[in-house]
Amino acid sequence: MDDDGIQLARDALKAIPGLDGFDAGSVAIERLGGLTNLVFRAGEYCLRIPGKGTEEYIDRGNEAVAAKEAARAGVSPEVMHFDAKTGVMLTRYIDGAVTMSPDLFKERKGSPARAGKAFYKLHRSGAKFPFRFELFSMIDDYLKILSSKTVDLPEGYHDVLAEAETVRAALNAHPLPLTACHCDPLCENFLDTGERMWVVDWEYSGMNDPMWDLGDLSVEAGFDAGQDAEMMAAYFGGTPRPDETGRMVIYKAMCDLLWTLWGLIQHANNNPVDDFMAYALNRFARCRALMADPGFAGHVKAVAAGPGR
């Protein structure tokens, strides 16, 4: 990490009140991961400084409530400080936890099940998040943001969006009760101790269909059928119904449809962390491929039919 970044972290730490006995000027600081934000370890704490441009699409007030509620639910680290104006957040650092990746979800035995159990704990916690994560409204919002930027949508995006109306109708036929959801389960947002899975980063969290979280994680981690089955069995306490599996699979496609636009926003904002144009195009191609798979229509039909059909 460059000296400017270290100094930025030290300055942010010095501005946080109530850190009794903590010397922000001398503590060892380590840069951690993060696609859009700067994240650091500072002794027993984890510091998050929001990235440039995130204020366009992140509601820090919502995130502050969600992060604290998730901590109370026992699935996220304790929040020591959150400035809803700047988005600077300080949490406890989880010792002995490994930041997950697709490869680690394959290598670490039982990790899909631990993630499923963490989601179950969150979804059944009774936590209430201020934001309503509504897929199609968010697509409209992201399209509006992109309309003011010099970036083109992938060819055929609006055609696939029109096809997704069938998916919308199926999901709305038997809607699940909304629960507190993470909504952005990148692998890197999971910290695994081998016995317990912690979940961090509540920027996109909201009240949502709980199957979104499972479908989105499956996509982000590149789960195969066995990993999907392990996660779902841990979540449901047994074999899920066809409509439950169908909802999870549907959301695999829909999260790619949404995050395609998020990637284009990052590209337009010149986020240097990754090749976000390639990211967006890859996600859109994966969405189209899944929706074109012959089995996808069967999942849509099972969801439209509902439980016990």
C-alpha atoms as a PDB file:
ATOM      1  CA  MET A   1       0.000   0.000   0.000  1.00  0.00           C
ATOM      2  CA  ASP A   2       1.376   3.452  -0.885  1.00  0.00           C
ATOM      3  CA  ASP A   3       2.231   5.989   1.820  1.00  0.00           C
ATOM      4  CA  ASP A   4      -0.691   8.211   0.798  1.00  0.00           C
ATOM      5  CA  GLY A   5      -3.129   5.381   1.405  1.00  0.00           C
ATOM      6  CA  ILE A   6      -1.626   4.590   4.797  1.00  0.00           C
ATOM      7  CA  GLN A   7      -1.817   8.240   5.772  1.00  0.00           C
ATOM      8  CA  LEU A   8      -5.429   8.416   4.585  1.00  0.00           C
ATOM      9  CA  ALA A   9      -6.253   5.506   6.889  1.00  0.00           C
ATOM     10  CA  ARG A  10      -4.400   7.057   9.827  1.00  0.00           C
ATOM     11  CA  ASP A  11      -6.195  10.369   9.335  1.00  0.00           C
ATOM     12  CA  ALA A  12      -9.574   8.599   9.232  1.00  0.00           C
ATOM     13  CA  LEU A  13      -8.754   6.678  12.419  1.00  0.00           C
ATOM     14  CA  LYS A  14      -7.666   9.837  14.234  1.00  0.00           C
ATOM     15  CA  ALA A  15     -11.026  11.431  13.416  1.00  0.00           C
ATOM     16  CA  ILE A  16     -13.007   8.606  15.052  1.00  0.00           C
ATOM     17  CA  PRO A  17     -14.024   9.460  18.612  1.00  0.00           C
ATOM     18  CA  GLY A  18     -13.940   7.085  21.542  1.00  0.00           C
ATOM     19  CA  LEU A  19     -11.024   4.823  20.612  1.00  0.00           C
ATOM     20  CA  ASP A  20      -9.550   4.887  24.109  1.00  0.00           C
ATOM     21  CA  GLY A  21      -5.970   3.684  24.288  1.00  0.00           C
ATOM     22  CA  PHE A  22      -5.729   3.309  20.514  1.00  0.00           C
ATOM     23  CA  ASP A  23      -2.743   5.019  18.877  1.00  0.00           C
ATOM     24  CA  ALA A  24      -3.752   5.681  15.279  1.00  0.00           C
ATOM     25  CA  GLY A  25      -0.354   7.164  14.541  1.00  0.00           C
ATOM     26  CA  SER A  26       1.676   4.040  15.284  1.00  0.00           C
ATOM     27  CA  VAL A  27      -0.597   1.021  14.805  1.00  0.00           C
ATOM     28  CA  ALA A  28       0.364  -1.281  11.926  1.00  0.00           C
ATOM     29  CA  ILE A  29      -1.991  -0.786   8.990  1.00  0.00           C
ATOM     30  CA  GLU A  30      -2.594  -3.423   6.312  1.00  0.00           C
ATOM     31  CA  ARG A  31      -4.567  -2.909   3.124  1.00  0.00           C
ATOM     32  CA  LEU A  32      -7.260  -5.544   2.633  1.00  0.00           C
ATOM     33  CA  GLY A  33      -9.459  -6.276  -0.390  1.00  0.00           C
ATOM     34  CA  GLY A  34     -12.234  -4.140  -1.848  1.00  0.00           C
ATOM     35  CA  LEU A  35     -13.576  -3.468  -5.335  1.00  0.00           C
ATOM     36  CA  THR A  36     -14.955   0.025  -4.784  1.00  0.00           C
ATOM     37  CA  ASN A  37     -13.735   0.982  -1.298  1.00  0.00           C
ATOM     38  CA  LEU A  38     -10.479   1.210   0.638  1.00  0.00           C
ATOM     39  CA  VAL A  39     -10.381  -1.392   3.409  1.00  0.00           C
ATOM     40  CA  PHE A  40      -7.657  -1.686   6.042  1.00  0.00           C
ATOM     41  CA  ARG A  41      -6.795  -3.726   9.084  1.00  0.00           C
ATOM     42  CA  ALA A  42      -5.649  -1.553  11.972  1.00  0.00           C
ATOM     43  CA  GLY A  43      -4.840  -3.765  14.932  1.00  0.00           C
ATOM     44  CA  GLU A  44      -8.078  -5.176  16.340  1.00  0.00           C
ATOM     45  CA  TYR A  45     -10.178  -3.089  13.973  1.00  0.00           C
ATOM     46  CA  CYS A  46     -11.212  -3.091  10.320  1.00  0.00           C
ATOM     47  CA  LEU A  47     -11.529   0.340   8.676  1.00  0.00           C
ATOM     48  CA  ARG A  48     -13.599   1.013   5.540  1.00  0.00           C
ATOM     49  CA  ILE A  49     -13.266   4.267   3.581  1.00  0.00           C
ATOM     50  CA  PRO A  50     -15.793   4.626   0.712  1.00  0.00           C
ATOM     51  CA  GLY A  51     -14.515   4.831  -2.846  1.00  0.00           C
ATOM     52  CA  LYS A  52     -14.986   7.744  -5.195  1.00  0.00           C
ATOM     53  CA  GLY A  53     -18.382   7.869  -6.896  1.00  0.00           C
ATOM     54  CA  THR A  54     -20.104   5.401  -4.550  1.00  0.00           C
ATOM     55  CA  GLU A  55     -22.312   8.197  -3.244  1.00  0.00           C
ATOM     56  CA  GLU A  56     -24.215   7.995  -6.557  1.00  0.00           C
ATOM     57  CA  TYR A  57     -25.786   4.667  -5.686  1.00  0.00           C
ATOM     58  CA  ILE A  58     -25.111   3.843  -2.005  1.00  0.00           C
ATOM     59  CA  ASP A  59     -27.337   5.044   0.825  1.00  0.00           C
ATOM     60  CA  ARG A  60     -24.964   5.195   3.789  1.00  0.00           C
ATOM     61  CA  GLY A  61     -27.795   5.691   6.264  1.00  0.00           C
ATOM     62  CA  ASN A  62     -29.341   2.406   5.173  1.00  0.00           C
ATOM     63  CA  GLU A  63     -25.971   0.688   5.338  1.00  0.00           C
ATOM     64  CA  ALA A  64     -25.354   1.953   8.882  1.00  0.00           C
ATOM     65  CA  VAL A  65     -28.629   0.462  10.125  1.00  0.00           C
ATOM     66  CA  ALA A  66     -28.099  -2.807   8.240  1.00  0.00           C
ATOM     67  CA  ALA A  67     -24.524  -3.308   9.451  1.00  0.00           C
ATOM     68  CA  LYS A  68     -25.584  -2.824  13.074  1.00  0.00           C
ATOM     69  CA  GLU A  69     -28.652  -5.056  12.707  1.00  0.00           C
ATOM     70  CA  ALA A  70     -26.569  -7.801  11.065  1.00  0.00           C
ATOM     71  CA  ALA A  71     -24.087  -7.597  13.927  1.00  0.00           C
ATOM     72  CA  ARG A  72     -26.941  -7.935  16.427  1.00  0.00           C
ATOM     73  CA  ALA A  73     -28.146 -10.969  14.466  1.00  0.00           C
ATOM     74  CA  GLY A  74     -24.723 -12.553  14.984  1.00  0.00           C
ATOM     75  CA  VAL A  75     -23.701 -12.798  11.342  1.00  0.00           C
ATOM     76  CA  SER A  76     -21.473  -9.708  11.024  1.00  0.00           C
ATOM     77  CA  PRO A  77     -18.717  -8.138  13.159  1.00  0.00           C
ATOM     78  CA  GLU A  78     -19.521  -5.540  15.807  1.00  0.00           C
ATOM     79  CA  VAL A  79     -19.775  -1.988  14.448  1.00  0.00           C
ATOM     80  CA  MET A  80     -17.613   0.359  16.517  1.00  0.00           C
ATOM     81  CA  HIS A  81     -18.238   3.512  14.489  1.00  0.00           C
ATOM     82  CA  PHE A  82     -20.239   4.517  11.425  1.00  0.00           C
ATOM     83  CA  ASP A  83     -20.346   8.034   9.993  1.00  0.00           C
ATOM     84  CA  ALA A  84     -23.458   8.063   7.803  1.00  0.00           C
ATOM     85  CA  LYS A  85     -22.320  11.323   6.186  1.00  0.00           C
ATOM     86  CA  THR A  86     -18.893  10.168   5.008  1.00  0.00           C
ATOM     87  CA  GLY A  87     -19.486   6.406   5.021  1.00  0.00           C
ATOM     88  CA  VAL A  88     -16.351   5.748   7.103  1.00  0.00           C
ATOM     89  CA  MET A  89     -16.952   2.590   9.141  1.00  0.00           C
ATOM     90  CA  LEU A  90     -14.955   0.819  11.822  1.00  0.00           C
ATOM     91  CA  THR A  91     -15.718  -2.763  12.886  1.00  0.00           C
ATOM     92  CA  ARG A  92     -14.039  -5.441  14.932  1.00  0.00           C
ATOM     93  CA  TYR A  93     -11.474  -7.492  13.029  1.00  0.00           C
ATOM     94  CA  ILE A  94     -12.299 -11.207  13.028  1.00  0.00           C
ATOM     95  CA  ASP A  95      -9.151 -13.086  14.035  1.00  0.00           C
ATOM     96  CA  GLY A  96      -8.562 -16.465  12.446  1.00  0.00           C
ATOM     97  CA  ALA A  97     -10.989 -15.855   9.588  1.00  0.00           C
ATOM     98  CA  VAL A  98     -10.094 -16.322   5.931  1.00  0.00           C
ATOM     99  CA  THR A  99     -11.483 -13.984   3.283  1.00  0.00           C
ATOM    100  CA  MET A 100     -13.269 -16.274   0.862  1.00  0.00           C
ATOM    101  CA  SER A 101     -12.891 -16.648  -2.901  1.00  0.00           C
ATOM    102  CA  PRO A 102     -14.415 -19.033  -5.457  1.00  0.00           C
ATOM    103  CA  ASP A 103     -11.402 -21.327  -5.085  1.00  0.00           C
ATOM    104  CA  LEU A 104     -11.652 -21.328  -1.302  1.00  0.00           C
ATOM    105  CA  PHE A 105     -15.349 -22.178  -1.456  1.00  0.00           C
ATOM    106  CA  LYS A 106     -14.260 -25.288  -3.357  1.00  0.00           C
ATOM    107  CA  GLU A 107     -11.287 -26.104  -1.127  1.00  0.00           C
ATOM    108  CA  ARG A 108     -12.694 -25.446   2.350  1.00  0.00           C
ATOM    109  CA  LYS A 109     -14.862 -28.384   3.294  1.00  0.00           C
ATOM    110  CA  GLY A 110     -18.364 -27.421   4.372  1.00  0.00           C
ATOM    111  CA  SER A 111     -18.044 -23.764   3.400  1.00  0.00           C
ATOM    112  CA  PRO A 112     -21.169 -23.694   1.164  1.00  0.00           C
ATOM    113  CA  ALA A 113     -23.142 -25.158   4.072  1.00  0.00           C
ATOM    114  CA  ARG A 114     -21.712 -22.602   6.516  1.00  0.00           C
ATOM    115  CA  ALA A 115     -22.723 -19.823   4.124  1.00  0.00           C
ATOM    116  CA  GLY A 116     -26.232 -21.296   3.858  1.00  0.00           C
ATOM    117  CA  LYS A 117     -26.507 -21.393   7.653  1.00  0.00           C
ATOM    118  CA  ALA A 118     -25.334 -17.781   7.917  1.00  0.00           C
ATOM    119  CA  PHE A 119     -28.016 -16.722   5.444  1.00  0.00           C
ATOM    120  CA  TYR A 120     -30.647 -18.688   7.357  1.00  0.00           C
ATOM    121  CA  LYS A 121     -29.619 -16.975  10.593  1.00  0.00           C
ATOM    122  CA  LEU A 122     -29.831 -13.539   8.958  1.00  0.00           C
ATOM    123  CA  HIS A 123     -33.117 -14.169   7.174  1.00  0.00           C
ATOM    124  CA  ARG A 124     -34.766 -15.556  10.317  1.00  0.00           C
ATOM    125  CA  SER A 125     -33.355 -12.905  12.653  1.00  0.00           C
ATOM    126  CA  GLY A 126     -36.312 -10.547  12.376  1.00  0.00           C
ATOM    127  CA  ALA A 127     -33.942  -7.689  11.481  1.00  0.00           C
ATOM    128  CA  LYS A 128     -35.509  -4.816   9.576  1.00  0.00           C
ATOM    129  CA  PHE A 129     -33.456  -2.901   7.022  1.00  0.00           C
ATOM    130  CA  PRO A 130     -34.640   0.541   5.809  1.00  0.00           C
ATOM    131  CA  PHE A 131     -34.126  -0.168   2.109  1.00  0.00           C
ATOM    132  CA  ARG A 132     -36.364  -2.313  -0.098  1.00  0.00           C
ATOM    133  CA  PHE A 133     -34.095  -4.092  -2.579  1.00  0.00           C
ATOM    134  CA  GLU A 134     -36.379  -4.244  -5.620  1.00  0.00           C
ATOM    135  CA  LEU A 135     -34.654  -5.821  -8.601  1.00  0.00           C
ATOM    136  CA  PHE A 136     -36.478  -4.178 -11.478  1.00  0.00           C
ATOM    137  CA  SER A 137     -36.601  -0.754  -9.837  1.00  0.00           C
ATOM    138  CA  MET A 138     -32.847  -0.941  -9.296  1.00  0.00           C
ATOM    139  CA  ILE A 139     -32.338  -1.843 -12.951  1.00  0.00           C
ATOM    140  CA  ASP A 140     -34.317   1.278 -13.869  1.00  0.00           C
ATOM    141  CA  ASP A 141     -32.243   3.369 -11.447  1.00  0.00           C
ATOM    142  CA  TYR A 142     -28.944   2.080 -12.833  1.00  0.00           C
ATOM    143  CA  LEU A 143     -30.127   2.663 -16.404  1.00  0.00           C
ATOM    144  CA  LYS A 144     -30.930   6.249 -15.420  1.00  0.00           C
ATOM    145  CA  ILE A 145     -27.430   6.732 -13.997  1.00  0.00           C
ATOM    146  CA  LEU A 146     -25.889   5.266 -17.143  1.00  0.00           C
ATOM    147  CA  SER A 147     -27.961   7.558 -19.368  1.00  0.00           C
ATOM    148  CA  SER A 148     -25.813  10.462 -18.150  1.00  0.00           C
ATOM    149  CA  LYS A 149     -22.512   8.666 -18.821  1.00  0.00           C
ATOM    150  CA  THR A 150     -20.583   7.888 -21.989  1.00  0.00           C
ATOM    151  CA  VAL A 151     -20.889   4.117 -22.003  1.00  0.00           C
ATOM    152  CA  ASP A 152     -22.943   1.786 -24.200  1.00  0.00           C
ATOM    153  CA  LEU A 153     -25.104  -1.067 -22.958  1.00  0.00           C
ATOM    154  CA  PRO A 154     -24.208  -4.570 -24.186  1.00  0.00           C
ATOM    155  CA  GLU A 155     -25.930  -5.410 -27.460  1.00  0.00           C
ATOM    156  CA  GLY A 156     -29.284  -7.051 -26.750  1.00  0.00           C
ATOM    157  CA  TYR A 157     -29.573  -5.873 -23.129  1.00  0.00           C
ATOM    158  CA  HIS A 158     -33.048  -4.409 -23.572  1.00  0.00           C
ATOM    159  CA  ASP A 159     -34.191  -7.564 -25.396  1.00  0.00           C
ATOM    160  CA  VAL A 160     -33.142  -9.736 -22.447  1.00  0.00           C
ATOM    161  CA  LEU A 161     -34.747  -7.289 -20.045  1.00  0.00           C
ATOM    162  CA  ALA A 162     -38.009  -7.676 -21.959  1.00  0.00           C
ATOM    163  CA  GLU A 163     -37.684 -11.481 -21.757  1.00  0.00           C
ATOM    164  CA  ALA A 164     -37.278 -11.143 -18.011  1.00  0.00           C
ATOM    165  CA  GLU A 165     -40.894  -9.994 -17.725  1.00  0.00           C
ATOM    166  CA  THR A 166     -41.861 -13.686 -17.707  1.00  0.00           C
ATOM    167  CA  VAL A 167     -39.499 -14.173 -14.784  1.00  0.00           C
ATOM    168  CA  ARG A 168     -41.005 -11.177 -12.990  1.00  0.00           C
ATOM    169  CA  ALA A 169     -44.498 -12.640 -13.398  1.00  0.00           C
ATOM    170  CA  ALA A 170     -43.405 -16.019 -12.013  1.00  0.00           C
ATOM    171  CA  LEU A 171     -41.726 -14.439  -8.979  1.00  0.00           C
ATOM    172  CA  ASN A 172     -44.792 -12.302  -8.291  1.00  0.00           C
ATOM    173  CA  ALA A 173     -47.203 -15.239  -8.559  1.00  0.00           C
ATOM    174  CA  HIS A 174     -46.251 -16.545  -5.105  1.00  0.00           C
ATOM    175  CA  PRO A 175     -44.060 -13.896  -3.449  1.00  0.00           C
ATOM    176  CA  LEU A 176     -42.095 -14.862  -0.386  1.00  0.00           C
ATOM    177  CA  PRO A 177     -42.215 -12.691   2.741  1.00  0.00           C
ATOM    178  CA  LEU A 178     -39.438 -10.116   2.533  1.00  0.00           C
ATOM    179  CA  THR A 179     -36.535 -10.634   4.921  1.00  0.00           C
ATOM    180  CA  ALA A 180     -33.346  -8.787   5.806  1.00  0.00           C
ATOM    181  CA  CYS A 181     -30.925  -9.756   3.022  1.00  0.00           C
ATOM    182  CA  HIS A 182     -27.312  -9.006   2.180  1.00  0.00           C
ATOM    183  CA  CYS A 183     -28.105  -8.652  -1.547  1.00  0.00           C
ATOM    184  CA  ASP A 184     -24.448  -8.466  -2.677  1.00  0.00           C
ATOM    185  CA  PRO A 185     -22.834 -11.733  -1.579  1.00  0.00           C
ATOM    186  CA  LEU A 186     -19.456 -11.549  -3.284  1.00  0.00           C
ATOM    187  CA  CYS A 187     -17.176 -14.316  -2.068  1.00  0.00           C
ATOM    188  CA  GLU A 188     -14.907 -11.659  -0.578  1.00  0.00           C
ATOM    189  CA  ASN A 189     -17.772 -10.549   1.664  1.00  0.00           C
ATOM    190  CA  PHE A 190     -17.552 -13.878   3.514  1.00  0.00           C
ATOM    191  CA  LEU A 191     -15.054 -14.541   6.301  1.00  0.00           C
ATOM    192  CA  ASP A 192     -14.691 -18.198   7.254  1.00  0.00           C
ATOM    193  CA  THR A 193     -13.178 -19.520  10.472  1.00  0.00           C
ATOM    194  CA  GLY A 194     -13.772 -23.149   9.466  1.00  0.00           C
ATOM    195  CA  GLU A 195     -16.525 -23.377  12.059  1.00  0.00           C
ATOM    196  CA  ARG A 196     -18.490 -20.220  11.369  1.00  0.00           C
ATOM    197  CA  MET A 197     -19.101 -17.989   8.362  1.00  0.00           C
ATOM    198  CA  TRP A 198     -19.248 -14.226   8.913  1.00  0.00           C
ATOM    199  CA  VAL A 199     -20.744 -11.836   6.355  1.00  0.00           C
ATOM    200  CA  VAL A 200     -19.550  -8.239   5.833  1.00  0.00           C
ATOM    201  CA  ASP A 201     -20.209  -5.202   3.606  1.00  0.00           C
ATOM    202  CA  TRP A 202     -23.871  -4.137   3.809  1.00  0.00           C
ATOM    203  CA  GLU A 203     -23.833  -1.407   1.137  1.00  0.00           C
ATOM    204  CA  TYR A 204     -26.572  -2.977  -1.005  1.00  0.00           C
ATOM    205  CA  SER A 205     -28.529  -4.681   1.761  1.00  0.00           C
ATOM    206  CA  GLY A 206     -32.276  -4.450   2.051  1.00  0.00           C
ATOM    207  CA  MET A 207     -35.546  -6.244   2.573  1.00  0.00           C
ATOM    208  CA  ASN A 208     -35.692  -8.765  -0.257  1.00  0.00           C
ATOM    209  CA  ASP A 209     -36.741 -12.227  -1.389  1.00  0.00           C
ATOM    210  CA  PRO A 210     -34.346 -14.432   0.640  1.00  0.00           C
ATOM    211  CA  MET A 211     -33.598 -16.644  -2.347  1.00  0.00           C
ATOM    212  CA  TRP A 212     -31.781 -13.722  -3.961  1.00  0.00           C
ATOM    213  CA  ASP A 213     -28.909 -14.136  -1.496  1.00  0.00           C
ATOM    214  CA  LEU A 214     -28.496 -17.834  -2.248  1.00  0.00           C
ATOM    215  CA  GLY A 215     -28.735 -17.440  -6.020  1.00  0.00           C
ATOM    216  CA  ASP A 216     -26.338 -14.524  -6.074  1.00  0.00           C
ATOM    217  CA  LEU A 217     -23.726 -16.325  -3.952  1.00  0.00           C
ATOM    218  CA  SER A 218     -23.985 -19.354  -6.240  1.00  0.00           C
ATOM    219  CA  VAL A 219     -23.130 -17.126  -9.200  1.00  0.00           C
ATOM    220  CA  GLU A 220     -20.356 -15.200  -7.468  1.00  0.00           C
ATOM    221  CA  ALA A 221     -18.673 -18.359  -6.174  1.00  0.00           C
ATOM    222  CA  GLY A 222     -19.230 -20.361  -9.358  1.00  0.00           C
ATOM    223  CA  PHE A 223     -20.934 -23.135  -7.422  1.00  0.00           C
ATOM    224  CA  ASP A 224     -21.441 -26.438  -9.177  1.00  0.00           C
ATOM    225  CA  ALA A 225     -24.566 -28.556  -8.652  1.00  0.00           C
ATOM    226  CA  GLY A 226     -23.079 -30.257  -5.599  1.00  0.00           C
ATOM    227  CA  GLN A 227     -22.193 -26.975  -3.922  1.00  0.00           C
ATOM    228  CA  ASP A 228     -25.658 -25.593  -4.680  1.00  0.00           C
ATOM    229  CA  ALA A 229     -27.204 -28.693  -3.104  1.00  0.00           C
ATOM    230  CA  GLU A 230     -24.988 -28.399  -0.025  1.00  0.00           C
ATOM    231  CA  MET A 231     -25.851 -24.729   0.495  1.00  0.00           C
ATOM    232  CA  MET A 232     -29.573 -25.273  -0.075  1.00  0.00           C
ATOM    233  CA  ALA A 233     -29.760 -28.347   2.185  1.00  0.00           C
ATOM    234  CA  ALA A 234     -28.052 -26.436   5.013  1.00  0.00           C
ATOM    235  CA  TYR A 235     -30.408 -23.506   4.542  1.00  0.00           C
ATOM    236  CA  PHE A 236     -33.625 -25.521   4.359  1.00  0.00           C
ATOM    237  CA  GLY A 237     -32.610 -28.323   6.692  1.00  0.00           C
ATOM    238  CA  GLY A 238     -33.178 -30.865   3.930  1.00  0.00           C
ATOM    239  CA  THR A 239     -34.015 -31.122   0.252  1.00  0.00           C
ATOM    240  CA  PRO A 240     -35.699 -27.947  -1.041  1.00  0.00           C
ATOM    241  CA  ARG A 241     -38.944 -27.998  -3.026  1.00  0.00           C
ATOM    242  CA  PRO A 242     -38.818 -27.456  -6.824  1.00  0.00           C
ATOM    243  CA  ASP A 243     -40.161 -23.907  -6.483  1.00  0.00           C
ATOM    244  CA  GLU A 244     -37.491 -23.095  -3.868  1.00  0.00           C
ATOM    245  CA  THR A 245     -34.722 -24.390  -6.104  1.00  0.00           C
ATOM    246  CA  GLY A 246     -36.333 -22.598  -9.031  1.00  0.00           C
ATOM    247  CA  ARG A 247     -36.295 -19.232  -7.253  1.00  0.00           C
ATOM    248  CA  MET A 248     -32.607 -19.643  -6.473  1.00  0.00           C
ATOM    249  CA  VAL A 249     -31.796 -20.480 -10.104  1.00  0.00           C
ATOM    250  CA  ILE A 250     -33.922 -17.610 -11.444  1.00  0.00           C
ATOM    251  CA  TYR A 251     -32.015 -15.180  -9.269  1.00  0.00           C
ATOM    252  CA  LYS A 252     -28.729 -16.459 -10.670  1.00  0.00           C
ATOM    253  CA  ALA A 253     -29.759 -14.956 -13.996  1.00  0.00           C
ATOM    254  CA  MET A 254     -31.366 -11.854 -12.546  1.00  0.00           C
ATOM    255  CA  CYS A 255     -28.394 -10.871 -10.404  1.00  0.00           C
ATOM    256  CA  ASP A 256     -26.201 -10.996 -13.506  1.00  0.00           C
ATOM    257  CA  LEU A 257     -28.730  -8.832 -15.347  1.00  0.00           C
ATOM    258  CA  LEU A 258     -28.513  -6.228 -12.561  1.00  0.00           C
ATOM    259  CA  TRP A 259     -24.785  -6.353 -11.833  1.00  0.00           C
ATOM    260  CA  THR A 260     -24.033  -5.966 -15.544  1.00  0.00           C
ATOM    261  CA  LEU A 261     -25.232  -2.379 -15.142  1.00  0.00           C
ATOM    262  CA  TRP A 262     -23.266  -1.919 -11.910  1.00  0.00           C
ATOM    263  CA  GLY A 263     -20.118  -2.958 -13.767  1.00  0.00           C
ATOM    264  CA  LEU A 264     -20.810  -0.420 -16.493  1.00  0.00           C
ATOM    265  CA  ILE A 265     -21.173   2.316 -13.854  1.00  0.00           C
ATOM    266  CA  GLN A 266     -17.775   1.344 -12.410  1.00  0.00           C
ATOM    267  CA  HIS A 267     -16.284   1.444 -15.917  1.00  0.00           C
ATOM    268  CA  ALA A 268     -17.791   4.867 -16.570  1.00  0.00           C
ATOM    269  CA  ASN A 269     -16.440   6.109 -13.215  1.00  0.00           C
ATOM    270  CA  ASN A 270     -12.933   4.925 -14.201  1.00  0.00           C
ATOM    271  CA  ASN A 271     -12.652   2.582 -11.228  1.00  0.00           C
ATOM    272  CA  PRO A 272      -9.073   1.246 -11.614  1.00  0.00           C
ATOM    273  CA  VAL A 273      -9.482  -1.898  -9.492  1.00  0.00           C
ATOM    274  CA  ASP A 274     -10.629  -4.163 -12.328  1.00  0.00           C
ATOM    275  CA  ASP A 275     -11.552  -4.280 -16.023  1.00  0.00           C
ATOM    276  CA  PHE A 276     -15.198  -3.487 -15.369  1.00  0.00           C
ATOM    277  CA  MET A 277     -16.198  -3.486 -19.021  1.00  0.00           C
ATOM    278  CA  ALA A 278     -15.067  -7.097 -19.298  1.00  0.00           C
ATOM    279  CA  TYR A 279     -16.800  -7.784 -15.969  1.00  0.00           C
ATOM    280  CA  ALA A 280     -20.084  -6.376 -17.299  1.00  0.00           C
ATOM    281  CA  LEU A 281     -19.914  -8.187 -20.625  1.00  0.00           C
ATOM    282  CA  ASN A 282     -19.094 -11.501 -18.950  1.00  0.00           C
ATOM    283  CA  ARG A 283     -22.012 -11.155 -16.550  1.00  0.00           C
ATOM    284  CA  PHE A 284     -24.419 -10.325 -19.344  1.00  0.00           C
ATOM    285  CA  ALA A 285     -23.220 -13.284 -21.432  1.00  0.00           C
ATOM    286  CA  ARG A 286     -23.710 -15.601 -18.436  1.00  0.00           C
ATOM    287  CA  CYS A 287     -27.223 -14.231 -17.871  1.00  0.00           C
ATOM    288  CA  ARG A 288     -28.201 -14.849 -21.509  1.00  0.00           C
ATOM    289  CA  ALA A 289     -26.721 -18.345 -21.466  1.00  0.00           C
ATOM    290  CA  LEU A 290     -28.634 -19.378 -18.338  1.00  0.00           C
ATOM    291  CA  MET A 291     -31.929 -17.930 -19.579  1.00  0.00           C
ATOM    292  CA  ALA A 292     -31.438 -19.781 -22.884  1.00  0.00           C
ATOM    293  CA  ASP A 293     -30.746 -23.105 -21.143  1.00  0.00           C
ATOM    294  CA  PRO A 294     -33.682 -25.519 -21.686  1.00  0.00           C
ATOM    295  CA  GLY A 295     -33.917 -26.186 -17.950  1.00  0.00           C
ATOM    296  CA  PHE A 296     -34.440 -22.530 -17.102  1.00  0.00           C
ATOM    297  CA  ALA A 297     -38.013 -22.512 -18.392  1.00  0.00           C
ATOM    298  CA  GLY A 298     -38.780 -25.446 -16.099  1.00  0.00           C
ATOM    299  CA  HIS A 299     -37.542 -23.508 -13.087  1.00  0.00           C
ATOM    300  CA  VAL A 300     -39.688 -20.514 -14.085  1.00  0.00           C
ATOM    301  CA  LYS A 301     -42.684 -22.827 -14.410  1.00  0.00           C
ATOM    302  CA  ALA A 302     -42.047 -24.375 -10.965  1.00  0.00           C
ATOM    303  CA  VAL A 303     -41.847 -20.924  -9.371  1.00  0.00           C
ATOM    304  CA  ALA A 304     -45.025 -19.781 -11.108  1.00  0.00           C
ATOM    305  CA  ALA A 305     -46.832 -22.928  -9.909  1.00  0.00           C
ATOM    306  CA  GLY A 306     -45.773 -22.342  -6.312  1.00  0.00           C
ATOM    307  CA  PRO A 307     -45.411 -24.670  -3.297  1.00  0.00           C
ATOM    308  CA  GLY A 308     -46.793 -28.170  -3.471  1.00  0.00           C
ATOM    309  CA  ARG A 309     -47.657 -28.073  -7.166  1.00  0.00           C
END
